[in-house]
Amino acid sequence: MQVLFDEAEYERMQALARRRGVTLAEWVRQALRAACRQEPEGDLDRKLAAVRAASRHEFPTAEIDRMLQEIESGYLGGEG
């Protein structure tokens, strides 16, 4: 792979790599690997379709304290 930079950019990148104690080539590899890890994997349309399908469902909900009270009441056999 070849990437071209103007002289000022190249010198700045060399200085940054040196500051990190690595060669410019290693610094570039690390930066590209980090960028790849930030990119989502998989089919974005499929993920969005799953979220949209899930959002069409309606489930009972309440404030967390109320839900915990109802759960505990169920364990104890009492009423909420």
PDB file of N, CA and C in Angstrom:
ATOM      1  N   MET A   1       0.850  -1.157   0.000  1.00  0.00           N
ATOM      2  CA  MET A   1       0.000   0.000   0.000  1.00  0.00           C
ATOM      3  C   MET A   1       0.905   1.232   0.000  1.00  0.00           C
ATOM      4  N   GLN A   2       0.505   2.201  -0.717  1.00  0.00           N
ATOM      5  CA  GLN A   2       1.245   3.450  -0.751  1.00  0.00           C
ATOM      6  C   GLN A   2       0.277   4.589  -0.488  1.00  0.00           C
ATOM      7  N   VAL A   3       0.656   5.439   0.447  1.00  0.00           N
ATOM      8  CA  VAL A   3      -0.161   6.598   0.776  1.00  0.00           C
ATOM      9  C   VAL A   3       0.733   7.823   0.680  1.00  0.00           C
ATOM     10  N   LEU A   4       0.280   8.811  -0.045  1.00  0.00           N
ATOM     11  CA  LEU A   4       1.092  10.001  -0.251  1.00  0.00           C
ATOM     12  C   LEU A   4       0.597  11.153   0.619  1.00  0.00           C
ATOM     13  N   PHE A   5       1.548  11.849   1.239  1.00  0.00           N
ATOM     14  CA  PHE A   5       1.254  13.019   2.056  1.00  0.00           C
ATOM     15  C   PHE A   5       2.193  14.134   1.631  1.00  0.00           C
ATOM     16  N   ASP A   6       1.789  15.361   1.908  1.00  0.00           N
ATOM     17  CA  ASP A   6       2.738  16.429   1.651  1.00  0.00           C
ATOM     18  C   ASP A   6       3.820  16.394   2.734  1.00  0.00           C
ATOM     19  N   GLU A   7       4.886  17.096   2.512  1.00  0.00           N
ATOM     20  CA  GLU A   7       6.059  17.032   3.389  1.00  0.00           C
ATOM     21  C   GLU A   7       5.728  17.371   4.842  1.00  0.00           C
ATOM     22  N   ALA A   8       4.947  18.407   5.053  1.00  0.00           N
ATOM     23  CA  ALA A   8       4.611  18.829   6.419  1.00  0.00           C
ATOM     24  C   ALA A   8       3.812  17.751   7.156  1.00  0.00           C
ATOM     25  N   GLU A   9       2.819  17.159   6.479  1.00  0.00           N
ATOM     26  CA  GLU A   9       2.028  16.087   7.104  1.00  0.00           C
ATOM     27  C   GLU A   9       2.913  14.896   7.448  1.00  0.00           C
ATOM     28  N   TYR A  10       3.755  14.530   6.508  1.00  0.00           N
ATOM     29  CA  TYR A  10       4.633  13.377   6.702  1.00  0.00           C
ATOM     30  C   TYR A  10       5.550  13.598   7.904  1.00  0.00           C
ATOM     31  N   GLU A  11       6.141  14.762   8.010  1.00  0.00           N
ATOM     32  CA  GLU A  11       7.042  15.053   9.127  1.00  0.00           C
ATOM     33  C   GLU A  11       6.292  15.044  10.452  1.00  0.00           C
ATOM     34  N   ARG A  12       5.087  15.586  10.460  1.00  0.00           N
ATOM     35  CA  ARG A  12       4.293  15.578  11.698  1.00  0.00           C
ATOM     36  C   ARG A  12       3.954  14.151  12.118  1.00  0.00           C
ATOM     37  N   MET A  13       3.576  13.320  11.149  1.00  0.00           N
ATOM     38  CA  MET A  13       3.243  11.927  11.468  1.00  0.00           C
ATOM     39  C   MET A  13       4.472  11.168  11.954  1.00  0.00           C
ATOM     40  N   GLN A  14       5.615  11.431  11.364  1.00  0.00           N
ATOM     41  CA  GLN A  14       6.843  10.797  11.839  1.00  0.00           C
ATOM     42  C   GLN A  14       7.124  11.194  13.280  1.00  0.00           C
ATOM     43  N   ALA A  15       6.932  12.462  13.593  1.00  0.00           N
ATOM     44  CA  ALA A  15       7.165  12.931  14.959  1.00  0.00           C
ATOM     45  C   ALA A  15       6.194  12.274  15.943  1.00  0.00           C
ATOM     46  N   LEU A  16       4.946  12.153  15.543  1.00  0.00           N
ATOM     47  CA  LEU A  16       3.956  11.499  16.408  1.00  0.00           C
ATOM     48  C   LEU A  16       4.313  10.034  16.645  1.00  0.00           C
ATOM     49  N   ALA A  17       4.726   9.355  15.600  1.00  0.00           N
ATOM     50  CA  ALA A  17       5.115   7.947  15.742  1.00  0.00           C
ATOM     51  C   ALA A  17       6.327   7.824  16.657  1.00  0.00           C
ATOM     52  N   ARG A  18       7.315   8.689  16.452  1.00  0.00           N
ATOM     53  CA  ARG A  18       8.519   8.659  17.293  1.00  0.00           C
ATOM     54  C   ARG A  18       8.161   8.873  18.752  1.00  0.00           C
ATOM     55  N   ARG A  19       7.240   9.807  18.999  1.00  0.00           N
ATOM     56  CA  ARG A  19       6.804  10.080  20.365  1.00  0.00           C
ATOM     57  C   ARG A  19       6.191   8.836  21.013  1.00  0.00           C
ATOM     58  N   ARG A  20       5.552   8.025  20.204  1.00  0.00           N
ATOM     59  CA  ARG A  20       4.955   6.771  20.696  1.00  0.00           C
ATOM     60  C   ARG A  20       5.966   5.636  20.756  1.00  0.00           C
ATOM     61  N   GLY A  21       7.150   5.877  20.218  1.00  0.00           N
ATOM     62  CA  GLY A  21       8.196   4.847  20.264  1.00  0.00           C
ATOM     63  C   GLY A  21       8.025   3.756  19.229  1.00  0.00           C
ATOM     64  N   VAL A  22       7.369   4.078  18.115  1.00  0.00           N
ATOM     65  CA  VAL A  22       7.170   3.087  17.052  1.00  0.00           C
ATOM     66  C   VAL A  22       7.555   3.724  15.719  1.00  0.00           C
ATOM     67  N   THR A  23       7.723   2.884  14.729  1.00  0.00           N
ATOM     68  CA  THR A  23       7.969   3.409  13.386  1.00  0.00           C
ATOM     69  C   THR A  23       6.683   4.015  12.846  1.00  0.00           C
ATOM     70  N   LEU A  24       6.821   4.827  11.835  1.00  0.00           N
ATOM     71  CA  LEU A  24       5.644   5.408  11.204  1.00  0.00           C
ATOM     72  C   LEU A  24       4.752   4.311  10.628  1.00  0.00           C
ATOM     73  N   ALA A  25       5.360   3.297  10.029  1.00  0.00           N
ATOM     74  CA  ALA A  25       4.587   2.191   9.459  1.00  0.00           C
ATOM     75  C   ALA A  25       3.773   1.485  10.540  1.00  0.00           C
ATOM     76  N   GLU A  26       4.386   1.243  11.716  1.00  0.00           N
ATOM     77  CA  GLU A  26       3.663   0.574  12.809  1.00  0.00           C
ATOM     78  C   GLU A  26       2.549   1.467  13.339  1.00  0.00           C
ATOM     79  N   TRP A  27       2.820   2.758  13.449  1.00  0.00           N
ATOM     80  CA  TRP A  27       1.804   3.690  13.931  1.00  0.00           C
ATOM     81  C   TRP A  27       0.609   3.709  12.976  1.00  0.00           C
ATOM     82  N   VAL A  28       0.874   3.681  11.686  1.00  0.00           N
ATOM     83  CA  VAL A  28      -0.197   3.656  10.681  1.00  0.00           C
ATOM     84  C   VAL A  28      -0.989   2.354  10.804  1.00  0.00           C
ATOM     85  N   ARG A  29      -0.288   1.226  10.960  1.00  0.00           N
ATOM     86  CA  ARG A  29      -0.999  -0.063  11.115  1.00  0.00           C
ATOM     87  C   ARG A  29      -1.910  -0.030  12.340  1.00  0.00           C
ATOM     88  N   GLN A  30      -1.378   0.482  13.458  1.00  0.00           N
ATOM     89  CA  GLN A  30      -2.184   0.560  14.686  1.00  0.00           C
ATOM     90  C   GLN A  30      -3.409   1.452  14.486  1.00  0.00           C
ATOM     91  N   ALA A  31      -3.204   2.586  13.815  1.00  0.00           N
ATOM     92  CA  ALA A  31      -4.324   3.511  13.587  1.00  0.00           C
ATOM     93  C   ALA A  31      -5.394   2.872  12.700  1.00  0.00           C
ATOM     94  N   LEU A  32      -4.960   2.165  11.656  1.00  0.00           N
ATOM     95  CA  LEU A  32      -5.932   1.525  10.767  1.00  0.00           C
ATOM     96  C   LEU A  32      -6.667   0.388  11.465  1.00  0.00           C
ATOM     97  N   ARG A  33      -5.950  -0.377  12.295  1.00  0.00           N
ATOM     98  CA  ARG A  33      -6.628  -1.451  13.052  1.00  0.00           C
ATOM     99  C   ARG A  33      -7.667  -0.866  14.001  1.00  0.00           C
ATOM    100  N   ALA A  34      -7.307   0.233  14.680  1.00  0.00           N
ATOM    101  CA  ALA A  34      -8.251   0.880  15.593  1.00  0.00           C
ATOM    102  C   ALA A  34      -9.473   1.388  14.825  1.00  0.00           C
ATOM    103  N   ALA A  35      -9.253   1.967  13.657  1.00  0.00           N
ATOM    104  CA  ALA A  35     -10.366   2.454  12.841  1.00  0.00           C
ATOM    105  C   ALA A  35     -11.272   1.301  12.420  1.00  0.00           C
ATOM    106  N   CYS A  36     -10.687   0.172  12.077  1.00  0.00           N
ATOM    107  CA  CYS A  36     -11.489  -1.000  11.678  1.00  0.00           C
ATOM    108  C   CYS A  36     -12.340  -1.503  12.834  1.00  0.00           C
ATOM    109  N   ARG A  37     -11.792  -1.467  14.056  1.00  0.00           N
ATOM    110  CA  ARG A  37     -12.562  -1.925  15.221  1.00  0.00           C
ATOM    111  C   ARG A  37     -13.759  -1.027  15.489  1.00  0.00           C
ATOM    112  N   GLN A  38     -13.679   0.236  15.086  1.00  0.00           N
ATOM    113  CA  GLN A  38     -14.773   1.183  15.307  1.00  0.00           C
ATOM    114  C   GLN A  38     -15.918   0.995  14.319  1.00  0.00           C
ATOM    115  N   GLU A  39     -15.655   0.355  13.208  1.00  0.00           N
ATOM    116  CA  GLU A  39     -16.681   0.173  12.181  1.00  0.00           C
ATOM    117  C   GLU A  39     -17.614  -0.964  12.570  1.00  0.00           C
ATOM    118  N   PRO A  40     -18.925  -0.760  12.443  1.00  0.00           N
ATOM    119  CA  PRO A  40     -19.861  -1.844  12.751  1.00  0.00           C
ATOM    120  C   PRO A  40     -19.710  -2.977  11.751  1.00  0.00           C
ATOM    121  N   GLU A  41     -19.888  -4.185  12.265  1.00  0.00           N
ATOM    122  CA  GLU A  41     -19.831  -5.353  11.385  1.00  0.00           C
ATOM    123  C   GLU A  41     -21.238  -5.848  11.125  1.00  0.00           C
ATOM    124  N   GLY A  42     -21.410  -6.553  10.073  1.00  0.00           N
ATOM    125  CA  GLY A  42     -22.713  -7.108   9.749  1.00  0.00           C
ATOM    126  C   GLY A  42     -23.517  -6.176   8.867  1.00  0.00           C
ATOM    127  N   ASP A  43     -24.670  -6.635   8.526  1.00  0.00           N
ATOM    128  CA  ASP A  43     -25.561  -5.916   7.619  1.00  0.00           C
ATOM    129  C   ASP A  43     -26.366  -4.874   8.394  1.00  0.00           C
ATOM    130  N   LEU A  44     -26.091  -3.617   8.151  1.00  0.00           N
ATOM    131  CA  LEU A  44     -26.762  -2.538   8.866  1.00  0.00           C
ATOM    132  C   LEU A  44     -28.271  -2.566   8.634  1.00  0.00           C
ATOM    133  N   ASP A  45     -28.705  -2.820   7.409  1.00  0.00           N
ATOM    134  CA  ASP A  45     -30.147  -2.867   7.120  1.00  0.00           C
ATOM    135  C   ASP A  45     -30.832  -3.967   7.920  1.00  0.00           C
ATOM    136  N   ARG A  46     -30.152  -5.101   8.064  1.00  0.00           N
ATOM    137  CA  ARG A  46     -30.733  -6.221   8.825  1.00  0.00           C
ATOM    138  C   ARG A  46     -30.857  -5.862  10.305  1.00  0.00           C
ATOM    139  N   LYS A  47     -29.838  -5.186  10.846  1.00  0.00           N
ATOM    140  CA  LYS A  47     -29.895  -4.769  12.248  1.00  0.00           C
ATOM    141  C   LYS A  47     -31.018  -3.766  12.473  1.00  0.00           C
ATOM    142  N   LEU A  48     -31.141  -2.800  11.559  1.00  0.00           N
ATOM    143  CA  LEU A  48     -32.209  -1.814  11.697  1.00  0.00           C
ATOM    144  C   LEU A  48     -33.586  -2.463  11.589  1.00  0.00           C
ATOM    145  N   ALA A  49     -33.723  -3.433  10.718  1.00  0.00           N
ATOM    146  CA  ALA A  49     -34.999  -4.139  10.581  1.00  0.00           C
ATOM    147  C   ALA A  49     -35.353  -4.857  11.882  1.00  0.00           C
ATOM    148  N   ALA A  50     -34.370  -5.447  12.540  1.00  0.00           N
ATOM    149  CA  ALA A  50     -34.615  -6.137  13.807  1.00  0.00           C
ATOM    150  C   ALA A  50     -35.055  -5.156  14.891  1.00  0.00           C
ATOM    151  N   VAL A  51     -34.413  -4.005  14.956  1.00  0.00           N
ATOM    152  CA  VAL A  51     -34.789  -2.992  15.947  1.00  0.00           C
ATOM    153  C   VAL A  51     -36.200  -2.482  15.662  1.00  0.00           C
ATOM    154  N   ARG A  52     -36.492  -2.235  14.405  1.00  0.00           N
ATOM    155  CA  ARG A  52     -37.839  -1.750  14.050  1.00  0.00           C
ATOM    156  C   ARG A  52     -38.908  -2.787  14.379  1.00  0.00           C
ATOM    157  N   ALA A  53     -38.621  -4.050  14.109  1.00  0.00           N
ATOM    158  CA  ALA A  53     -39.590  -5.117  14.424  1.00  0.00           C
ATOM    159  C   ALA A  53     -39.806  -5.201  15.930  1.00  0.00           C
ATOM    160  N   ALA A  54     -38.747  -5.102  16.698  1.00  0.00           N
ATOM    161  CA  ALA A  54     -38.879  -5.177  18.157  1.00  0.00           C
ATOM    162  C   ALA A  54     -39.661  -3.992  18.705  1.00  0.00           C
ATOM    163  N   SER A  55     -39.503  -2.818  18.086  1.00  0.00           N
ATOM    164  CA  SER A  55     -40.190  -1.633  18.589  1.00  0.00           C
ATOM    165  C   SER A  55     -41.690  -1.654  18.315  1.00  0.00           C
ATOM    166  N   ARG A  56     -42.145  -2.544  17.451  1.00  0.00           N
ATOM    167  CA  ARG A  56     -43.587  -2.643  17.164  1.00  0.00           C
ATOM    168  C   ARG A  56     -44.332  -3.404  18.248  1.00  0.00           C
ATOM    169  N   HIS A  57     -43.625  -4.116  19.101  1.00  0.00           N
ATOM    170  CA  HIS A  57     -44.262  -4.887  20.171  1.00  0.00           C
ATOM    171  C   HIS A  57     -44.581  -3.971  21.351  1.00  0.00           C
ATOM    172  N   GLU A  58     -45.606  -4.328  22.063  1.00  0.00           N
ATOM    173  CA  GLU A  58     -45.963  -3.584  23.269  1.00  0.00           C
ATOM    174  C   GLU A  58     -45.902  -4.531  24.444  1.00  0.00           C
ATOM    175  N   PHE A  59     -45.183  -4.122  25.457  1.00  0.00           N
ATOM    176  CA  PHE A  59     -45.035  -4.925  26.661  1.00  0.00           C
ATOM    177  C   PHE A  59     -45.407  -4.058  27.848  1.00  0.00           C
ATOM    178  N   PRO A  60     -45.936  -4.665  28.894  1.00  0.00           N
ATOM    179  CA  PRO A  60     -46.260  -3.872  30.081  1.00  0.00           C
ATOM    180  C   PRO A  60     -44.965  -3.345  30.704  1.00  0.00           C
ATOM    181  N   THR A  61     -45.042  -2.158  31.221  1.00  0.00           N
ATOM    182  CA  THR A  61     -43.876  -1.569  31.859  1.00  0.00           C
ATOM    183  C   THR A  61     -44.334  -0.639  32.969  1.00  0.00           C
ATOM    184  N   ALA A  62     -43.407  -0.274  33.816  1.00  0.00           N
ATOM    185  CA  ALA A  62     -43.700   0.634  34.922  1.00  0.00           C
ATOM    186  C   ALA A  62     -42.382   1.176  35.427  1.00  0.00           C
ATOM    187  N   GLU A  63     -42.460   2.028  36.416  1.00  0.00           N
ATOM    188  CA  GLU A  63     -41.236   2.495  37.067  1.00  0.00           C
ATOM    189  C   GLU A  63     -40.551   1.292  37.703  1.00  0.00           C
ATOM    190  N   ILE A  64     -39.234   1.326  37.776  1.00  0.00           N
ATOM    191  CA  ILE A  64     -38.474   0.174  38.249  1.00  0.00           C
ATOM    192  C   ILE A  64     -38.886  -0.248  39.663  1.00  0.00           C
ATOM    193  N   ASP A  65     -39.149   0.700  40.550  1.00  0.00           N
ATOM    194  CA  ASP A  65     -39.545   0.331  41.921  1.00  0.00           C
ATOM    195  C   ASP A  65     -40.857  -0.435  41.919  1.00  0.00           C
ATOM    196  N   ARG A  66     -41.801  -0.003  41.086  1.00  0.00           N
ATOM    197  CA  ARG A  66     -43.100  -0.682  40.981  1.00  0.00           C
ATOM    198  C   ARG A  66     -42.918  -2.097  40.422  1.00  0.00           C
ATOM    199  N   MET A  67     -42.081  -2.232  39.372  1.00  0.00           N
ATOM    200  CA  MET A  67     -41.852  -3.559  38.790  1.00  0.00           C
ATOM    201  C   MET A  67     -41.213  -4.495  39.808  1.00  0.00           C
ATOM    202  N   LEU A  68     -40.223  -4.007  40.550  1.00  0.00           N
ATOM    203  CA  LEU A  68     -39.570  -4.851  41.553  1.00  0.00           C
ATOM    204  C   LEU A  68     -40.547  -5.258  42.649  1.00  0.00           C
ATOM    205  N   GLN A  69     -41.433  -4.333  43.030  1.00  0.00           N
ATOM    206  CA  GLN A  69     -42.451  -4.639  44.034  1.00  0.00           C
ATOM    207  C   GLN A  69     -43.382  -5.741  43.532  1.00  0.00           C
ATOM    208  N   GLU A  70     -43.796  -5.642  42.275  1.00  0.00           N
ATOM    209  CA  GLU A  70     -44.684  -6.654  41.717  1.00  0.00           C
ATOM    210  C   GLU A  70     -43.987  -8.004  41.607  1.00  0.00           C
ATOM    211  N   ILE A  71     -42.729  -8.005  41.228  1.00  0.00           N
ATOM    212  CA  ILE A  71     -41.974  -9.259  41.143  1.00  0.00           C
ATOM    213  C   ILE A  71     -41.870  -9.897  42.520  1.00  0.00           C
ATOM    214  N   GLU A  72     -41.490  -9.110  43.509  1.00  0.00           N
ATOM    215  CA  GLU A  72     -41.359  -9.635  44.853  1.00  0.00           C
ATOM    216  C   GLU A  72     -42.697 -10.144  45.374  1.00  0.00           C
ATOM    217  N   SER A  73     -43.755  -9.425  45.079  1.00  0.00           N
ATOM    218  CA  SER A  73     -45.091  -9.834  45.500  1.00  0.00           C
ATOM    219  C   SER A  73     -45.440 -11.190  44.887  1.00  0.00           C
ATOM    220  N   GLY A  74     -45.054 -11.384  43.621  1.00  0.00           N
ATOM    221  CA  GLY A  74     -45.307 -12.668  42.975  1.00  0.00           C
ATOM    222  C   GLY A  74     -44.557 -13.805  43.630  1.00  0.00           C
ATOM    223  N   TYR A  75     -43.305 -13.541  44.042  1.00  0.00           N
ATOM    224  CA  TYR A  75     -42.515 -14.569  44.735  1.00  0.00           C
ATOM    225  C   TYR A  75     -43.146 -14.938  46.070  1.00  0.00           C
ATOM    226  N   LEU A  76     -43.727 -13.943  46.741  1.00  0.00           N
ATOM    227  CA  LEU A  76     -44.294 -14.165  48.058  1.00  0.00           C
ATOM    228  C   LEU A  76     -45.741 -14.630  47.998  1.00  0.00           C
ATOM    229  N   GLY A  77     -46.323 -14.630  46.785  1.00  0.00           N
ATOM    230  CA  GLY A  77     -47.695 -15.093  46.626  1.00  0.00           C
ATOM    231  C   GLY A  77     -48.729 -14.051  47.003  1.00  0.00           C
ATOM    232  N   GLY A  78     -48.310 -12.828  47.195  1.00  0.00           N
ATOM    233  CA  GLY A  78     -49.240 -11.770  47.570  1.00  0.00           C
ATOM    234  C   GLY A  78     -49.632 -10.948  46.354  1.00  0.00           C
ATOM    235  N   GLU A  79     -50.331  -9.899  46.603  1.00  0.00           N
ATOM    236  CA  GLU A  79     -50.764  -8.980  45.556  1.00  0.00           C
ATOM    237  C   GLU A  79     -49.919  -7.729  45.619  1.00  0.00           C
ATOM    238  N   GLY A  80     -49.650  -7.076  44.399  1.00  0.00           N
ATOM    239  CA  GLY A  80     -48.814  -5.890  44.286  1.00  0.00           C
ATOM    240  C   GLY A  80     -49.334  -4.775  45.072  1.00  0.00           C
TER     241      GLY A  80
END
